[in-house]
Amino acid sequence: MHHTLRSIIVILVLVGVVVALGVVVGTGGITGGTVADTIACYNNDDCDDKIAATEDICKNPGTISSLCVNRPIR
């Protein structure tokens, strides 16, 4: 019976830790990545990497989900 009670206590503590981490993450205390509320590009010229062998593309221009793509020209 002693081992069963000990196991139950260990499980309850682990569940408590997981719940506490969930609350911290859910309230913005810990994030999984960087959140950027900036606009990366407005047009393809903003993505110029100065490499002639790449095509410079602005995806989702003028939005916070914009990003630059520099892919090799075929």
PDB file of N, CA and C in Angstrom:
ATOM      1  N   MET A   1       0.820  -1.189   0.000  1.00  0.00           N
ATOM      2  CA  MET A   1       0.000   0.000   0.000  1.00  0.00           C
ATOM      3  C   MET A   1       0.865   1.254   0.000  1.00  0.00           C
ATOM      4  N   HIS A   2       2.010   1.192   0.658  1.00  0.00           N
ATOM      5  CA  HIS A   2       2.913   2.340   0.752  1.00  0.00           C
ATOM      6  C   HIS A   2       3.409   2.766  -0.629  1.00  0.00           C
ATOM      7  N   HIS A   3       3.732   1.792  -1.472  1.00  0.00           N
ATOM      8  CA  HIS A   3       4.221   2.109  -2.817  1.00  0.00           C
ATOM      9  C   HIS A   3       3.117   2.710  -3.685  1.00  0.00           C
ATOM     10  N   THR A   4       1.907   2.259  -3.518  1.00  0.00           N
ATOM     11  CA  THR A   4       0.779   2.796  -4.276  1.00  0.00           C
ATOM     12  C   THR A   4       0.545   4.259  -3.924  1.00  0.00           C
ATOM     13  N   LEU A   5       0.568   4.580  -2.636  1.00  0.00           N
ATOM     14  CA  LEU A   5       0.383   5.968  -2.196  1.00  0.00           C
ATOM     15  C   LEU A   5       1.511   6.849  -2.716  1.00  0.00           C
ATOM     16  N   ARG A   6       2.716   6.354  -2.665  1.00  0.00           N
ATOM     17  CA  ARG A   6       3.865   7.115  -3.168  1.00  0.00           C
ATOM     18  C   ARG A   6       3.731   7.365  -4.673  1.00  0.00           C
ATOM     19  N   SER A   7       3.301   6.366  -5.416  1.00  0.00           N
ATOM     20  CA  SER A   7       3.107   6.511  -6.861  1.00  0.00           C
ATOM     21  C   SER A   7       2.025   7.538  -7.172  1.00  0.00           C
ATOM     22  N   ILE A   8       0.948   7.512  -6.413  1.00  0.00           N
ATOM     23  CA  ILE A   8      -0.133   8.473  -6.618  1.00  0.00           C
ATOM     24  C   ILE A   8       0.357   9.892  -6.351  1.00  0.00           C
ATOM     25  N   ILE A   9       1.135  10.073  -5.314  1.00  0.00           N
ATOM     26  CA  ILE A   9       1.669  11.401  -4.985  1.00  0.00           C
ATOM     27  C   ILE A   9       2.597  11.888  -6.094  1.00  0.00           C
ATOM     28  N   VAL A  10       3.455  11.035  -6.604  1.00  0.00           N
ATOM     29  CA  VAL A  10       4.376  11.403  -7.689  1.00  0.00           C
ATOM     30  C   VAL A  10       3.578  11.802  -8.931  1.00  0.00           C
ATOM     31  N   ILE A  11       2.562  11.039  -9.256  1.00  0.00           N
ATOM     32  CA  ILE A  11       1.739  11.359 -10.429  1.00  0.00           C
ATOM     33  C   ILE A  11       1.030  12.694 -10.246  1.00  0.00           C
ATOM     34  N   LEU A  12       0.486  12.938  -9.062  1.00  0.00           N
ATOM     35  CA  LEU A  12      -0.192  14.209  -8.796  1.00  0.00           C
ATOM     36  C   LEU A  12       0.764  15.400  -8.897  1.00  0.00           C
ATOM     37  N   VAL A  13       1.968  15.234  -8.397  1.00  0.00           N
ATOM     38  CA  VAL A  13       2.966  16.309  -8.499  1.00  0.00           C
ATOM     39  C   VAL A  13       3.310  16.576  -9.958  1.00  0.00           C
ATOM     40  N   LEU A  14       3.514  15.522 -10.738  1.00  0.00           N
ATOM     41  CA  LEU A  14       3.832  15.701 -12.160  1.00  0.00           C
ATOM     42  C   LEU A  14       2.690  16.366 -12.910  1.00  0.00           C
ATOM     43  N   VAL A  15       1.462  15.977 -12.626  1.00  0.00           N
ATOM     44  CA  VAL A  15       0.308  16.609 -13.259  1.00  0.00           C
ATOM     45  C   VAL A  15       0.247  18.088 -12.878  1.00  0.00           C
ATOM     46  N   GLY A  16       0.537  18.397 -11.614  1.00  0.00           N
ATOM     47  CA  GLY A  16       0.559  19.793 -11.158  1.00  0.00           C
ATOM     48  C   GLY A  16       1.599  20.616 -11.900  1.00  0.00           C
ATOM     49  N   VAL A  17       2.766  20.050 -12.107  1.00  0.00           N
ATOM     50  CA  VAL A  17       3.830  20.758 -12.834  1.00  0.00           C
ATOM     51  C   VAL A  17       3.406  21.010 -14.277  1.00  0.00           C
ATOM     52  N   VAL A  18       2.819  20.014 -14.923  1.00  0.00           N
ATOM     53  CA  VAL A  18       2.372  20.176 -16.304  1.00  0.00           C
ATOM     54  C   VAL A  18       1.284  21.240 -16.397  1.00  0.00           C
ATOM     55  N   VAL A  19       0.348  21.230 -15.475  1.00  0.00           N
ATOM     56  CA  VAL A  19      -0.715  22.236 -15.468  1.00  0.00           C
ATOM     57  C   VAL A  19      -0.129  23.625 -15.243  1.00  0.00           C
ATOM     58  N   ALA A  20       0.800  23.754 -14.309  1.00  0.00           N
ATOM     59  CA  ALA A  20       1.431  25.054 -14.041  1.00  0.00           C
ATOM     60  C   ALA A  20       2.163  25.569 -15.276  1.00  0.00           C
ATOM     61  N   LEU A  21       2.886  24.714 -15.967  1.00  0.00           N
ATOM     62  CA  LEU A  21       3.578  25.133 -17.196  1.00  0.00           C
ATOM     63  C   LEU A  21       2.574  25.547 -18.263  1.00  0.00           C
ATOM     64  N   GLY A  22       1.467  24.830 -18.350  1.00  0.00           N
ATOM     65  CA  GLY A  22       0.423  25.191 -19.311  1.00  0.00           C
ATOM     66  C   GLY A  22      -0.143  26.570 -19.035  1.00  0.00           C
ATOM     67  N   VAL A  23      -0.333  26.889 -17.765  1.00  0.00           N
ATOM     68  CA  VAL A  23      -0.844  28.217 -17.401  1.00  0.00           C
ATOM     69  C   VAL A  23       0.165  29.291 -17.759  1.00  0.00           C
ATOM     70  N   VAL A  24       1.442  29.047 -17.470  1.00  0.00           N
ATOM     71  CA  VAL A  24       2.485  30.034 -17.773  1.00  0.00           C
ATOM     72  C   VAL A  24       2.580  30.268 -19.280  1.00  0.00           C
ATOM     73  N   VAL A  25       2.573  29.194 -20.052  1.00  0.00           N
ATOM     74  CA  VAL A  25       2.652  29.327 -21.507  1.00  0.00           C
ATOM     75  C   VAL A  25       1.390  29.996 -22.045  1.00  0.00           C
ATOM     76  N   GLY A  26       0.250  29.620 -21.530  1.00  0.00           N
ATOM     77  CA  GLY A  26      -1.017  30.166 -22.004  1.00  0.00           C
ATOM     78  C   GLY A  26      -1.184  31.647 -21.743  1.00  0.00           C
ATOM     79  N   THR A  27      -0.530  32.151 -20.709  1.00  0.00           N
ATOM     80  CA  THR A  27      -0.635  33.578 -20.390  1.00  0.00           C
ATOM     81  C   THR A  27       0.479  34.392 -21.041  1.00  0.00           C
ATOM     82  N   GLY A  28       1.303  33.761 -21.853  1.00  0.00           N
ATOM     83  CA  GLY A  28       2.354  34.485 -22.567  1.00  0.00           C
ATOM     84  C   GLY A  28       3.667  34.575 -21.806  1.00  0.00           C
ATOM     85  N   GLY A  29       3.787  33.852 -20.698  1.00  0.00           N
ATOM     86  CA  GLY A  29       5.016  33.882 -19.908  1.00  0.00           C
ATOM     87  C   GLY A  29       6.184  33.235 -20.607  1.00  0.00           C
ATOM     88  N   ILE A  30       5.914  32.195 -21.350  1.00  0.00           N
ATOM     89  CA  ILE A  30       6.949  31.493 -22.117  1.00  0.00           C
ATOM     90  C   ILE A  30       6.409  31.343 -23.529  1.00  0.00           C
ATOM     91  N   THR A  31       7.214  31.685 -24.507  1.00  0.00           N
ATOM     92  CA  THR A  31       6.782  31.524 -25.885  1.00  0.00           C
ATOM     93  C   THR A  31       7.692  30.548 -26.595  1.00  0.00           C
ATOM     94  N   GLY A  32       7.157  29.918 -27.619  1.00  0.00           N
ATOM     95  CA  GLY A  32       7.934  28.949 -28.371  1.00  0.00           C
ATOM     96  C   GLY A  32       8.767  29.579 -29.465  1.00  0.00           C
ATOM     97  N   GLY A  33       8.598  30.845 -29.705  1.00  0.00           N
ATOM     98  CA  GLY A  33       9.354  31.516 -30.751  1.00  0.00           C
ATOM     99  C   GLY A  33       9.191  33.012 -30.644  1.00  0.00           C
ATOM    100  N   THR A  34       9.836  33.697 -31.528  1.00  0.00           N
ATOM    101  CA  THR A  34       9.762  35.147 -31.532  1.00  0.00           C
ATOM    102  C   THR A  34       8.521  35.585 -32.297  1.00  0.00           C
ATOM    103  N   VAL A  35       7.773  36.468 -31.699  1.00  0.00           N
ATOM    104  CA  VAL A  35       6.601  37.016 -32.362  1.00  0.00           C
ATOM    105  C   VAL A  35       6.972  38.402 -32.869  1.00  0.00           C
ATOM    106  N   ALA A  36       6.922  38.571 -34.157  1.00  0.00           N
ATOM    107  CA  ALA A  36       7.294  39.849 -34.753  1.00  0.00           C
ATOM    108  C   ALA A  36       6.059  40.525 -35.322  1.00  0.00           C
ATOM    109  N   ASP A  37       5.779  41.707 -34.829  1.00  0.00           N
ATOM    110  CA  ASP A  37       4.659  42.481 -35.355  1.00  0.00           C
ATOM    111  C   ASP A  37       5.175  43.554 -36.305  1.00  0.00           C
ATOM    112  N   THR A  38       6.138  43.179 -37.117  1.00  0.00           N
ATOM    113  CA  THR A  38       6.693  44.113 -38.085  1.00  0.00           C
ATOM    114  C   THR A  38       6.487  43.560 -39.491  1.00  0.00           C
ATOM    115  N   ILE A  39       6.568  44.432 -40.442  1.00  0.00           N
ATOM    116  CA  ILE A  39       6.404  44.044 -41.839  1.00  0.00           C
ATOM    117  C   ILE A  39       7.790  43.858 -42.450  1.00  0.00           C
ATOM    118  N   ALA A  40       8.056  42.670 -42.966  1.00  0.00           N
ATOM    119  CA  ALA A  40       9.382  42.360 -43.511  1.00  0.00           C
ATOM    120  C   ALA A  40       9.615  43.021 -44.861  1.00  0.00           C
ATOM    121  N   CYS A  41       8.560  43.130 -45.676  1.00  0.00           N
ATOM    122  CA  CYS A  41       8.736  43.698 -47.010  1.00  0.00           C
ATOM    123  C   CYS A  41       7.418  44.231 -47.547  1.00  0.00           C
ATOM    124  N   TYR A  42       7.553  45.188 -48.449  1.00  0.00           N
ATOM    125  CA  TYR A  42       6.396  45.767 -49.129  1.00  0.00           C
ATOM    126  C   TYR A  42       6.378  45.403 -50.610  1.00  0.00           C
ATOM    127  N   ASN A  43       7.573  45.095 -51.157  1.00  0.00           N
ATOM    128  CA  ASN A  43       7.678  44.696 -52.560  1.00  0.00           C
ATOM    129  C   ASN A  43       8.967  43.899 -52.747  1.00  0.00           C
ATOM    130  N   ASN A  44       9.168  43.368 -53.935  1.00  0.00           N
ATOM    131  CA  ASN A  44      10.343  42.529 -54.196  1.00  0.00           C
ATOM    132  C   ASN A  44      11.659  43.264 -53.989  1.00  0.00           C
ATOM    133  N   ASP A  45      11.680  44.575 -54.233  1.00  0.00           N
ATOM    134  CA  ASP A  45      12.911  45.339 -54.048  1.00  0.00           C
ATOM    135  C   ASP A  45      13.386  45.317 -52.594  1.00  0.00           C
ATOM    136  N   ASP A  46      12.458  45.198 -51.653  1.00  0.00           N
ATOM    137  CA  ASP A  46      12.832  45.140 -50.231  1.00  0.00           C
ATOM    138  C   ASP A  46      13.564  43.846 -49.885  1.00  0.00           C
ATOM    139  N   CYS A  47      13.491  42.866 -50.765  1.00  0.00           N
ATOM    140  CA  CYS A  47      14.090  41.555 -50.503  1.00  0.00           C
ATOM    141  C   CYS A  47      15.400  41.334 -51.255  1.00  0.00           C
ATOM    142  N   ASP A  48      15.920  42.364 -51.878  1.00  0.00           N
ATOM    143  CA  ASP A  48      17.142  42.241 -52.680  1.00  0.00           C
ATOM    144  C   ASP A  48      18.313  41.826 -51.799  1.00  0.00           C
ATOM    145  N   ASP A  49      18.850  40.647 -52.051  1.00  0.00           N
ATOM    146  CA  ASP A  49      19.993  40.144 -51.282  1.00  0.00           C
ATOM    147  C   ASP A  49      21.332  40.443 -51.965  1.00  0.00           C
ATOM    148  N   LYS A  50      21.292  41.224 -53.035  1.00  0.00           N
ATOM    149  CA  LYS A  50      22.484  41.659 -53.784  1.00  0.00           C
ATOM    150  C   LYS A  50      23.219  40.498 -54.443  1.00  0.00           C
ATOM    151  N   ILE A  51      22.521  39.391 -54.658  1.00  0.00           N
ATOM    152  CA  ILE A  51      23.099  38.253 -55.365  1.00  0.00           C
ATOM    153  C   ILE A  51      22.354  38.125 -56.687  1.00  0.00           C
ATOM    154  N   ALA A  52      23.089  38.322 -57.790  1.00  0.00           N
ATOM    155  CA  ALA A  52      22.463  38.337 -59.117  1.00  0.00           C
ATOM    156  C   ALA A  52      21.862  36.988 -59.496  1.00  0.00           C
ATOM    157  N   ALA A  53      22.333  35.910 -58.903  1.00  0.00           N
ATOM    158  CA  ALA A  53      21.872  34.578 -59.273  1.00  0.00           C
ATOM    159  C   ALA A  53      20.615  34.148 -58.510  1.00  0.00           C
ATOM    160  N   THR A  54      20.013  35.074 -57.748  1.00  0.00           N
ATOM    161  CA  THR A  54      18.787  34.720 -57.029  1.00  0.00           C
ATOM    162  C   THR A  54      17.629  35.613 -57.444  1.00  0.00           C
ATOM    163  N   GLU A  55      16.439  35.036 -57.382  1.00  0.00           N
ATOM    164  CA  GLU A  55      15.205  35.782 -57.599  1.00  0.00           C
ATOM    165  C   GLU A  55      14.715  36.234 -56.226  1.00  0.00           C
ATOM    166  N   ASP A  56      14.480  37.514 -56.084  1.00  0.00           N
ATOM    167  CA  ASP A  56      14.093  38.087 -54.796  1.00  0.00           C
ATOM    168  C   ASP A  56      12.585  38.324 -54.784  1.00  0.00           C
ATOM    169  N   ILE A  57      11.887  37.619 -53.896  1.00  0.00           N
ATOM    170  CA  ILE A  57      10.426  37.648 -53.878  1.00  0.00           C
ATOM    171  C   ILE A  57       9.927  38.063 -52.498  1.00  0.00           C
ATOM    172  N   CYS A  58       8.958  38.965 -52.478  1.00  0.00           N
ATOM    173  CA  CYS A  58       8.280  39.360 -51.252  1.00  0.00           C
ATOM    174  C   CYS A  58       6.944  38.628 -51.194  1.00  0.00           C
ATOM    175  N   LYS A  59       6.808  37.714 -50.258  1.00  0.00           N
ATOM    176  CA  LYS A  59       5.549  36.983 -50.072  1.00  0.00           C
ATOM    177  C   LYS A  59       4.669  37.755 -49.093  1.00  0.00           C
ATOM    178  N   ASN A  60       3.389  37.860 -49.365  1.00  0.00           N
ATOM    179  CA  ASN A  60       2.421  38.583 -48.523  1.00  0.00           C
ATOM    180  C   ASN A  60       2.858  40.020 -48.254  1.00  0.00           C
ATOM    181  N   PRO A  61       3.182  40.787 -49.297  1.00  0.00           N
ATOM    182  CA  PRO A  61       3.722  42.134 -49.109  1.00  0.00           C
ATOM    183  C   PRO A  61       2.819  43.041 -48.279  1.00  0.00           C
ATOM    184  N   GLY A  62       3.459  43.831 -47.416  1.00  0.00           N
ATOM    185  CA  GLY A  62       2.758  44.833 -46.626  1.00  0.00           C
ATOM    186  C   GLY A  62       1.962  44.290 -45.456  1.00  0.00           C
ATOM    187  N   THR A  63       2.126  43.013 -45.130  1.00  0.00           N
ATOM    188  CA  THR A  63       1.414  42.428 -43.994  1.00  0.00           C
ATOM    189  C   THR A  63       2.414  41.931 -42.948  1.00  0.00           C
ATOM    190  N   ILE A  64       1.917  41.660 -41.730  1.00  0.00           N
ATOM    191  CA  ILE A  64       2.834  41.156 -40.701  1.00  0.00           C
ATOM    192  C   ILE A  64       3.255  39.717 -40.994  1.00  0.00           C
ATOM    193  N   SER A  65       2.601  39.064 -41.947  1.00  0.00           N
ATOM    194  CA  SER A  65       3.029  37.722 -42.344  1.00  0.00           C
ATOM    195  C   SER A  65       3.912  37.761 -43.589  1.00  0.00           C
ATOM    196  N   SER A  66       4.397  38.954 -43.944  1.00  0.00           N
ATOM    197  CA  SER A  66       5.275  39.059 -45.112  1.00  0.00           C
ATOM    198  C   SER A  66       6.637  38.445 -44.811  1.00  0.00           C
ATOM    199  N   LEU A  67       7.271  37.923 -45.858  1.00  0.00           N
ATOM    200  CA  LEU A  67       8.613  37.385 -45.714  1.00  0.00           C
ATOM    201  C   LEU A  67       9.311  37.409 -47.056  1.00  0.00           C
ATOM    202  N   CYS A  68      10.625  37.439 -46.989  1.00  0.00           N
ATOM    203  CA  CYS A  68      11.442  37.456 -48.199  1.00  0.00           C
ATOM    204  C   CYS A  68      11.878  36.041 -48.557  1.00  0.00           C
ATOM    205  N   VAL A  69      11.821  35.762 -49.845  1.00  0.00           N
ATOM    206  CA  VAL A  69      12.303  34.481 -50.362  1.00  0.00           C
ATOM    207  C   VAL A  69      13.327  34.806 -51.435  1.00  0.00           C
ATOM    208  N   ASN A  70      14.509  34.238 -51.310  1.00  0.00           N
ATOM    209  CA  ASN A  70      15.589  34.454 -52.281  1.00  0.00           C
ATOM    210  C   ASN A  70      15.969  33.075 -52.824  1.00  0.00           C
ATOM    211  N   ARG A  71      15.450  32.768 -54.006  1.00  0.00           N
ATOM    212  CA  ARG A  71      15.724  31.431 -54.563  1.00  0.00           C
ATOM    213  C   ARG A  71      16.558  31.562 -55.823  1.00  0.00           C
ATOM    214  N   PRO A  72      17.349  30.516 -56.093  1.00  0.00           N
ATOM    215  CA  PRO A  72      18.207  30.543 -57.278  1.00  0.00           C
ATOM    216  C   PRO A  72      17.386  30.661 -58.566  1.00  0.00           C
ATOM    217  N   ILE A  73      17.915  31.444 -59.501  1.00  0.00           N
ATOM    218  CA  ILE A  73      17.280  31.575 -60.810  1.00  0.00           C
ATOM    219  C   ILE A  73      17.664  30.353 -61.632  1.00  0.00           C
ATOM    220  N   ARG A  74      16.672  29.760 -62.273  1.00  0.00           N
ATOM    221  CA  ARG A  74      16.940  28.541 -63.061  1.00  0.00           C
ATOM    222  C   ARG A  74      17.202  28.883 -64.487  1.00  0.00           C
TER     223      ARG A  74
END
